[in-house]
Every structure is written in C-alpha cells, then in structure tokens.
Amino acid sequence: MPRRARRHHAAAFKAKVALAAVRNEGTLAELAKRFDVHPAQITAWKDQPLSGAATVGRPGAC
C-alpha cells in the first residue's frame, strides 16, 4: 500500500480539532475519524497550548 503524502494543516484547523477534544465532543477515536487525523496528533495539538500556558507570566520565559 502506498504511503500517504505528508499533509500540512492550517493553524485554524489544529485549533478547531484541539478545541473539540478539550470540549469532549467525542472520544479521540471518533474525533480522529471525523477530522481524518491520527489520535496521537489530536493529543499533541490539545497539549500544545497547555504546555505553553505554563510559561506565561514567568520572568525570563521570553
């Protein structure tokens, strides 16, 4: 079976998928099927803003 070409997703799409995951609009498997991405990718997109939020307000974080 041929490999799927690497896809590049817009930031708006990533935010939409991550927000759906945070809102618990379905299981990771359901969201992955609906948006046609891997469940691990959804988890990574969901965790990105949360990991960045830890540095907000810390002196010297910039």
C-alpha atoms as a PDB file:
ATOM      1  CA  MET A   1       0.000   0.000   0.000  1.00  0.00           C
ATOM      2  CA  PRO A   2       1.470   3.399  -0.923  1.00  0.00           C
ATOM      3  CA  ARG A   3       2.241   5.862   1.835  1.00  0.00           C
ATOM      4  CA  ARG A   4       0.073   8.915   2.225  1.00  0.00           C
ATOM      5  CA  ALA A   5       1.787  12.159   1.340  1.00  0.00           C
ATOM      6  CA  ARG A   6       2.668  14.349   4.293  1.00  0.00           C
ATOM      7  CA  ARG A   7      -0.120  16.793   4.985  1.00  0.00           C
ATOM      8  CA  HIS A   8       0.207  20.273   6.412  1.00  0.00           C
ATOM      9  CA  HIS A   9      -2.676  21.554   8.498  1.00  0.00           C
ATOM     10  CA  ALA A  10      -3.527  25.200   8.987  1.00  0.00           C
ATOM     11  CA  ALA A  11      -3.378  26.626  12.492  1.00  0.00           C
ATOM     12  CA  ALA A  12      -7.128  27.251  12.427  1.00  0.00           C
ATOM     13  CA  PHE A  13      -7.798  23.569  11.698  1.00  0.00           C
ATOM     14  CA  LYS A  14      -5.477  22.471  14.512  1.00  0.00           C
ATOM     15  CA  ALA A  15      -7.217  24.819  16.926  1.00  0.00           C
ATOM     16  CA  LYS A  16     -10.640  23.548  15.840  1.00  0.00           C
ATOM     17  CA  VAL A  17      -9.649  19.920  16.416  1.00  0.00           C
ATOM     18  CA  ALA A  18      -7.927  20.667  19.745  1.00  0.00           C
ATOM     19  CA  LEU A  19     -10.932  22.637  20.970  1.00  0.00           C
ATOM     20  CA  ALA A  20     -13.249  19.766  20.075  1.00  0.00           C
ATOM     21  CA  ALA A  21     -11.013  17.436  22.097  1.00  0.00           C
ATOM     22  CA  VAL A  22     -10.917  19.779  25.098  1.00  0.00           C
ATOM     23  CA  ARG A  23     -14.713  20.134  24.984  1.00  0.00           C
ATOM     24  CA  ASN A  24     -15.065  16.313  24.943  1.00  0.00           C
ATOM     25  CA  GLU A  25     -17.180  16.384  21.794  1.00  0.00           C
ATOM     26  CA  GLY A  26     -16.336  12.707  21.318  1.00  0.00           C
ATOM     27  CA  THR A  27     -13.655  10.155  22.022  1.00  0.00           C
ATOM     28  CA  LEU A  28     -10.225  10.568  20.456  1.00  0.00           C
ATOM     29  CA  ALA A  29     -11.082   7.778  18.040  1.00  0.00           C
ATOM     30  CA  GLU A  30     -14.311   9.490  16.996  1.00  0.00           C
ATOM     31  CA  LEU A  31     -12.602  12.858  16.557  1.00  0.00           C
ATOM     32  CA  ALA A  32      -9.760  11.252  14.608  1.00  0.00           C
ATOM     33  CA  LYS A  33     -12.230   9.675  12.229  1.00  0.00           C
ATOM     34  CA  ARG A  34     -14.267  12.878  11.863  1.00  0.00           C
ATOM     35  CA  PHE A  35     -11.239  15.071  11.154  1.00  0.00           C
ATOM     36  CA  ASP A  36      -9.137  12.388   9.390  1.00  0.00           C
ATOM     37  CA  VAL A  37      -6.077  12.701  11.635  1.00  0.00           C
ATOM     38  CA  HIS A  38      -4.308  10.299  13.985  1.00  0.00           C
ATOM     39  CA  PRO A  39      -5.499  10.279  17.617  1.00  0.00           C
ATOM     40  CA  ALA A  40      -1.942  10.929  18.834  1.00  0.00           C
ATOM     41  CA  GLN A  41      -1.848  14.068  16.700  1.00  0.00           C
ATOM     42  CA  ILE A  42      -5.026  15.325  18.348  1.00  0.00           C
ATOM     43  CA  THR A  43      -3.475  14.762  21.764  1.00  0.00           C
ATOM     44  CA  ALA A  44      -0.354  16.680  20.751  1.00  0.00           C
ATOM     45  CA  TRP A  45      -2.372  19.609  19.408  1.00  0.00           C
ATOM     46  CA  LYS A  46      -4.513  19.611  22.555  1.00  0.00           C
ATOM     47  CA  ASP A  47      -1.467  19.663  24.854  1.00  0.00           C
ATOM     48  CA  GLN A  48       0.439  22.402  22.993  1.00  0.00           C
ATOM     49  CA  PRO A  49      -1.489  25.400  24.358  1.00  0.00           C
ATOM     50  CA  LEU A  50      -1.492  23.891  27.842  1.00  0.00           C
ATOM     51  CA  SER A  51       2.283  23.431  27.873  1.00  0.00           C
ATOM     52  CA  GLY A  52       2.766  26.981  26.607  1.00  0.00           C
ATOM     53  CA  ALA A  53       0.448  28.346  29.271  1.00  0.00           C
ATOM     54  CA  ALA A  54       2.874  27.211  31.959  1.00  0.00           C
ATOM     55  CA  THR A  55       5.457  29.718  30.743  1.00  0.00           C
ATOM     56  CA  VAL A  56       3.073  32.696  30.626  1.00  0.00           C
ATOM     57  CA  GLY A  57       3.849  35.164  33.355  1.00  0.00           C
ATOM     58  CA  ARG A  58       7.150  33.605  34.353  1.00  0.00           C
ATOM     59  CA  PRO A  59      10.024  36.081  34.396  1.00  0.00           C
ATOM     60  CA  GLY A  60      12.588  35.272  31.730  1.00  0.00           C
ATOM     61  CA  ALA A  61      10.253  32.948  29.847  1.00  0.00           C
ATOM     62  CA  CYS A  62      10.508  35.013  26.661  1.00  0.00           C
END
